[in-house]
Amino acid sequence: MRRLFPVTDETAARASGGSAGDDGGGAVEGGPAAGGPGGAPGDLVDREWSLAELAFAYAYPAPGPGDPQPWLRANMVSTLDGAAQHDGRSQPISTATDMRIFGTLRALADVVIVGAETVRQEGYRPARARAEFAGARAAAGQGPAPAIAVISASLDLDYGLPLFTSPLVPTLVLTGAAAAPDRMAAAEKAGAQVVIAGDGVGVDPVRAVQALAGLGHTRLLTEGGPRLLGQLVAAAVLDELCLTISPMLTAGDAQRIAGGPSVAVPKRFELVSLLEEEGFLFSRYRRA
């Protein structure tokens, strides 16, 4: 893996045919010159990044003064022709490095938000504790692993899945106040914590973010699926998108990374970083 953006003096020199030492090559902010891992000169070499370097590159913004504000990022993968899945699953268009970033993003988060349909299709399991991140999570006041928060209006979930039978921390189920009482009771009986985040049957994305923040979860990560991501985009609560662009073409009628009705005005995001390995691009965008 190597860093393509932010662009360094060394990158520009190479692109123009000059040598790396032509003009004082400045380091990327947060690189070795600034006291952090993953700096500019080494980033231009295609190599495997350590988990510490990945965690540094994908760190959540430092909280400001006062109560920490929630920060919601999404992590998705898409082919060159816009498919978010192949045969209903994202794994066939992913790669080992994409999965390392996937694990790192989970290890940085307080909670992982996922739609019920994605839980069914992907066979979701609870997040596991990672020894490599134990110290950092403890220092940040986090538990051993992020909670999984399932968004479901119907609460039609298989409570025999490991996500509910053997999570390291209790799984959260977010639903609306008008959801069926017997299904809410079934979720609680299975050990899930039911969180009301809407006045009707469904979940209000703004209320969902607020409810999770009220539980102390401010570092939020969503892994979709497309329907949920579309709702978060429409509600203007998404702060960041980590998008893996897979160098594959699938054709067919697979979903895009975000579905549902279009927004009235397209949301503008700005590129924060871009990494590359074997044709896969690992991009990170923030709300402009």
Protein backbone atom coordinates (compact mmCIF):
# COMPACT_ATOMS: atom_id res chain seq x y z
CA MET A 1 0.00 0.00 0.00
CA ARG A 2 1.15 3.54 -0.72
CA ARG A 3 -0.30 6.98 -0.12
CA LEU A 4 -1.39 9.02 -3.15
CA PHE A 5 -3.04 11.93 -1.36
CA PRO A 6 -2.34 14.34 0.29
CA VAL A 7 0.23 15.02 -2.42
CA THR A 8 3.78 15.48 -1.16
CA ASP A 9 6.65 17.33 -2.77
CA GLU A 10 8.24 13.97 -3.42
CA THR A 11 5.17 12.71 -5.23
CA ALA A 12 5.07 15.84 -7.39
CA ALA A 13 8.77 15.53 -8.20
CA ARG A 14 8.36 11.95 -9.33
CA ALA A 15 5.31 12.80 -11.41
CA SER A 16 7.26 15.52 -13.23
CA GLY A 17 10.28 13.31 -13.79
CA GLY A 18 12.45 14.86 -11.08
CA SER A 19 14.20 13.04 -8.28
CA ALA A 20 12.86 12.60 -4.78
CA GLY A 21 15.46 14.93 -3.30
CA ASP A 22 15.13 17.83 -5.74
CA ASP A 23 13.35 20.28 -3.46
CA GLY A 24 13.27 19.53 0.21
CA GLY A 25 10.32 17.05 0.18
CA GLY A 26 7.91 18.01 2.95
CA ALA A 27 6.20 15.31 4.99
CA VAL A 28 2.49 14.62 5.05
CA GLU A 29 0.81 16.14 8.10
CA GLY A 30 0.97 13.54 10.84
CA GLY A 31 3.94 11.74 9.22
CA PRO A 32 7.40 11.26 10.69
CA ALA A 33 8.24 14.98 10.59
CA ALA A 34 5.17 15.60 12.71
CA GLY A 35 5.88 12.72 15.07
CA GLY A 36 3.41 10.16 13.69
CA PRO A 37 3.62 6.91 11.72
CA GLY A 38 2.87 6.52 8.06
CA GLY A 39 4.83 9.51 6.74
CA ALA A 40 5.50 10.78 3.25
CA PRO A 41 8.79 9.22 2.09
CA GLY A 42 7.92 5.68 3.19
CA ASP A 43 4.35 6.02 2.00
CA LEU A 44 5.53 6.12 -1.62
CA VAL A 45 6.93 2.60 -1.27
CA ASP A 46 4.39 -0.13 -1.95
CA ARG A 47 4.45 -2.17 1.26
CA GLU A 48 2.15 -3.62 3.88
CA TRP A 49 1.17 -1.01 6.43
CA SER A 50 1.10 -1.94 10.11
CA LEU A 51 -2.16 -1.81 12.04
CA ALA A 52 -0.77 1.14 13.99
CA GLU A 53 -0.20 3.06 10.74
CA LEU A 54 -3.69 2.26 9.53
CA ALA A 55 -5.18 3.35 12.86
CA PHE A 56 -3.25 6.63 12.64
CA ALA A 57 -4.37 7.22 9.05
CA TYR A 58 -8.04 6.59 9.92
CA ALA A 59 -8.17 8.20 13.36
CA TYR A 60 -11.40 9.96 14.31
CA PRO A 61 -11.19 13.74 14.64
CA ALA A 62 -10.01 14.87 18.06
CA PRO A 63 -12.99 15.92 20.20
CA GLY A 64 -13.43 19.62 20.76
CA PRO A 65 -14.04 21.34 24.11
CA GLY A 66 -17.15 20.40 26.04
CA ASP A 67 -19.25 17.31 25.37
CA PRO A 68 -17.86 15.18 22.52
CA GLN A 69 -20.00 15.45 19.38
CA PRO A 70 -20.88 12.28 17.45
CA TRP A 71 -18.94 11.62 14.24
CA LEU A 72 -20.53 9.20 11.78
CA ARG A 73 -18.40 7.56 9.12
CA ALA A 74 -19.40 4.95 6.57
CA ASN A 75 -17.21 2.20 5.18
CA MET A 76 -18.25 0.79 1.80
CA VAL A 77 -16.78 -0.91 -1.25
CA SER A 78 -17.73 -0.36 -4.89
CA THR A 79 -16.60 -1.75 -8.24
CA LEU A 80 -15.55 0.49 -11.11
CA ASP A 81 -19.06 0.23 -12.55
CA GLY A 82 -20.74 1.13 -9.26
CA ALA A 83 -21.72 -2.26 -7.84
CA ALA A 84 -21.70 -2.47 -4.05
CA GLN A 85 -22.20 -6.24 -4.09
CA HIS A 86 -21.81 -9.33 -6.23
CA ASP A 87 -24.33 -12.14 -5.80
CA GLY A 88 -25.76 -10.19 -2.87
CA ARG A 89 -22.52 -9.94 -0.87
CA SER A 90 -19.65 -7.46 -0.68
CA GLN A 91 -16.90 -10.01 -0.03
CA PRO A 92 -16.36 -11.04 -3.70
CA ILE A 93 -15.37 -7.46 -4.63
CA SER A 94 -13.15 -6.93 -1.59
CA THR A 95 -9.52 -7.81 -0.89
CA ALA A 96 -7.37 -8.79 2.09
CA THR A 97 -6.15 -5.22 2.60
CA ASP A 98 -9.71 -3.93 2.41
CA MET A 99 -10.57 -6.36 5.21
CA ARG A 100 -7.61 -5.11 7.29
CA ILE A 101 -8.95 -1.57 6.94
CA PHE A 102 -12.44 -2.89 7.72
CA GLY A 103 -11.09 -4.40 10.96
CA THR A 104 -9.16 -1.24 11.83
CA LEU A 105 -12.21 0.98 11.36
CA ARG A 106 -14.20 -1.33 13.63
CA ALA A 107 -11.43 -1.25 16.24
CA LEU A 108 -11.57 2.57 16.29
CA ALA A 109 -15.36 2.77 16.65
CA ASP A 110 -17.62 2.81 19.70
CA VAL A 111 -20.48 1.25 17.76
CA VAL A 112 -21.08 -0.23 14.30
CA ILE A 113 -24.46 0.62 12.75
CA VAL A 114 -25.89 -1.83 10.24
CA GLY A 115 -29.22 -2.40 8.52
CA ALA A 116 -31.26 -5.50 9.26
CA GLU A 117 -31.15 -6.69 5.65
CA THR A 118 -27.35 -6.54 5.65
CA VAL A 119 -27.34 -8.59 8.87
CA ARG A 120 -29.38 -11.23 7.08
CA GLN A 121 -27.43 -11.23 3.80
CA GLU A 122 -23.90 -10.99 5.19
CA GLY A 123 -24.38 -13.31 8.17
CA TYR A 124 -23.22 -10.61 10.59
CA ARG A 125 -21.29 -11.67 13.65
CA PRO A 126 -20.44 -9.66 16.78
CA ALA A 127 -17.30 -7.57 16.76
CA ARG A 128 -14.37 -9.27 18.46
CA ALA A 129 -11.74 -7.93 20.78
CA ARG A 130 -8.41 -7.29 19.07
CA ALA A 131 -5.30 -7.59 21.23
CA GLU A 132 -3.48 -5.17 18.91
CA PHE A 133 -5.98 -2.41 19.75
CA ALA A 134 -6.65 -3.24 23.42
CA GLY A 135 -4.34 -0.57 24.83
CA ALA A 136 -5.58 2.17 22.52
CA ARG A 137 -9.24 1.36 23.24
CA ALA A 138 -8.63 1.36 26.98
CA ALA A 139 -6.80 4.70 26.75
CA ALA A 140 -9.74 6.13 24.78
CA GLY A 141 -12.22 4.94 27.41
CA GLN A 142 -13.72 2.34 25.07
CA GLY A 143 -14.79 -1.21 25.86
CA PRO A 144 -12.97 -4.24 24.47
CA ALA A 145 -14.95 -4.19 21.20
CA PRO A 146 -17.56 -2.00 19.52
CA ALA A 147 -21.21 -2.78 19.96
CA ILE A 148 -23.25 -3.68 16.88
CA ALA A 149 -26.38 -1.57 16.44
CA VAL A 150 -28.98 -3.09 14.10
CA ILE A 151 -31.50 -0.75 12.48
CA SER A 152 -34.83 -2.54 12.08
CA ALA A 153 -38.41 -1.34 11.75
CA SER A 154 -39.97 -4.82 11.70
CA LEU A 155 -37.63 -6.45 14.26
CA ASP A 156 -37.83 -9.55 12.06
CA LEU A 157 -34.43 -10.83 13.14
CA ASP A 158 -32.94 -14.24 13.84
CA TYR A 159 -32.10 -14.08 17.53
CA GLY A 160 -30.34 -17.43 17.29
CA LEU A 161 -27.43 -15.78 15.42
CA PRO A 162 -24.11 -15.32 17.27
CA LEU A 163 -24.73 -11.58 16.96
CA PHE A 164 -27.34 -12.05 19.68
CA THR A 165 -26.29 -15.25 21.44
CA SER A 166 -22.58 -14.54 22.03
CA PRO A 167 -21.63 -10.86 21.63
CA LEU A 168 -18.74 -9.52 23.70
CA VAL A 169 -20.89 -6.48 24.42
CA PRO A 170 -24.70 -6.48 24.12
CA THR A 171 -26.06 -5.93 20.63
CA LEU A 172 -28.26 -2.86 20.22
CA VAL A 173 -31.48 -2.92 18.19
CA LEU A 174 -32.72 0.50 17.06
CA THR A 175 -36.37 0.73 16.12
CA GLY A 176 -39.37 3.07 16.24
CA ALA A 177 -41.74 3.64 19.14
CA ALA A 178 -44.59 2.08 17.15
CA ALA A 179 -42.77 -1.21 16.54
CA ALA A 180 -44.63 -4.37 17.57
CA PRO A 181 -44.40 -4.73 21.38
CA ASP A 182 -44.08 -8.52 21.22
CA ARG A 183 -41.10 -8.24 18.89
CA MET A 184 -39.44 -5.67 21.11
CA ALA A 185 -39.95 -8.06 24.02
CA ALA A 186 -38.44 -10.92 21.98
CA ALA A 187 -35.36 -8.83 21.21
CA GLU A 188 -34.88 -7.96 24.88
CA LYS A 189 -35.41 -11.59 25.90
CA ALA A 190 -32.63 -12.54 23.49
CA GLY A 191 -30.28 -10.17 25.34
CA ALA A 192 -30.37 -7.24 22.92
CA GLN A 193 -30.78 -3.68 24.15
CA VAL A 194 -33.72 -2.06 22.36
CA VAL A 195 -33.23 1.64 21.65
CA ILE A 196 -36.16 3.78 20.48
CA ALA A 197 -35.05 6.19 17.75
CA GLY A 198 -38.24 7.28 16.02
CA ASP A 199 -41.87 8.12 16.74
CA GLY A 200 -43.35 5.79 14.13
CA VAL A 201 -42.51 2.24 13.11
CA GLY A 202 -39.18 3.10 11.48
CA VAL A 203 -35.99 4.75 12.66
CA ASP A 204 -35.23 8.46 12.23
CA PRO A 205 -31.50 8.72 11.33
CA VAL A 206 -31.09 11.97 13.30
CA ARG A 207 -32.70 10.40 16.36
CA ALA A 208 -30.53 7.29 15.92
CA VAL A 209 -27.30 9.30 16.04
CA GLN A 210 -28.56 11.27 19.04
CA ALA A 211 -29.67 8.12 20.86
CA LEU A 212 -26.31 6.43 20.36
CA ALA A 213 -24.46 9.56 21.50
CA GLY A 214 -26.68 9.59 24.58
CA LEU A 215 -25.38 6.12 25.39
CA GLY A 216 -21.81 7.41 25.16
CA HIS A 217 -21.19 6.21 21.59
CA THR A 218 -19.76 9.19 19.69
CA ARG A 219 -17.34 7.40 17.32
CA LEU A 220 -19.89 5.92 14.96
CA LEU A 221 -19.30 3.60 12.00
CA THR A 222 -21.86 2.30 9.54
CA GLU A 223 -21.24 -0.56 7.15
CA GLY A 224 -24.52 -0.15 5.29
CA GLY A 225 -26.22 -1.61 3.50
CA PRO A 226 -27.14 0.67 0.62
CA ARG A 227 -30.65 1.40 1.87
CA LEU A 228 -29.41 2.48 5.29
CA LEU A 229 -26.59 4.56 3.83
CA GLY A 230 -29.07 6.30 1.53
CA GLN A 231 -31.21 7.21 4.54
CA LEU A 232 -28.21 8.60 6.40
CA VAL A 233 -27.19 10.67 3.36
CA ALA A 234 -30.72 12.01 2.91
CA ALA A 235 -30.86 12.98 6.59
CA ALA A 236 -27.50 14.81 6.30
CA VAL A 237 -25.99 13.00 9.30
CA LEU A 238 -23.07 11.37 7.48
CA ASP A 239 -19.76 13.09 8.29
CA GLU A 240 -17.30 10.85 6.45
CA LEU A 241 -17.15 8.15 3.77
CA CYS A 242 -14.36 5.59 3.58
CA LEU A 243 -14.81 4.07 0.12
CA THR A 244 -12.80 1.23 -1.34
CA ILE A 245 -12.84 1.32 -5.14
CA SER A 246 -12.39 -2.20 -6.42
CA PRO A 247 -10.71 -2.56 -9.87
CA MET A 248 -13.46 -4.90 -11.06
CA LEU A 249 -16.36 -4.75 -13.49
CA THR A 250 -19.45 -6.78 -12.68
CA ALA A 251 -22.29 -5.39 -14.88
CA GLY A 252 -25.67 -6.78 -13.82
CA ASP A 253 -28.14 -4.98 -11.59
CA ALA A 254 -26.27 -4.89 -8.27
CA GLN A 255 -27.07 -2.08 -5.85
CA ARG A 256 -24.97 1.06 -5.56
CA ILE A 257 -23.46 1.89 -2.17
CA ALA A 258 -26.42 4.18 -1.37
CA GLY A 259 -30.03 3.62 -2.36
CA GLY A 260 -33.41 5.23 -1.91
CA PRO A 261 -34.74 8.58 -3.14
CA SER A 262 -32.24 11.15 -4.38
CA VAL A 263 -31.50 14.24 -2.30
CA ALA A 264 -32.69 17.65 -3.47
CA VAL A 265 -29.16 19.03 -3.63
CA PRO A 266 -26.14 16.70 -4.02
CA LYS A 267 -23.98 16.49 -0.91
CA ARG A 268 -20.42 17.75 -1.44
CA PHE A 269 -17.55 15.93 0.28
CA GLU A 270 -13.81 16.62 0.11
CA LEU A 271 -10.97 14.14 -0.32
CA VAL A 272 -8.91 13.66 2.84
CA SER A 273 -6.64 10.77 1.88
CA LEU A 274 -6.14 8.21 -0.87
CA LEU A 275 -4.20 4.96 -0.53
CA GLU A 276 -3.50 2.39 -3.26
CA GLU A 277 -2.54 -1.26 -3.43
CA GLU A 278 -2.66 -3.56 -6.47
CA GLY A 279 -5.18 -1.32 -8.22
CA PHE A 280 -7.51 -1.02 -5.23
CA LEU A 281 -8.04 2.58 -4.10
CA PHE A 282 -8.83 3.27 -0.46
CA SER A 283 -10.35 6.74 -0.30
CA ARG A 284 -11.51 8.83 2.61
CA TYR A 285 -13.88 11.77 2.16
CA ARG A 286 -15.30 14.22 4.70
CA ARG A 287 -18.24 16.56 4.60
CA ALA A 288 -17.08 19.74 2.82
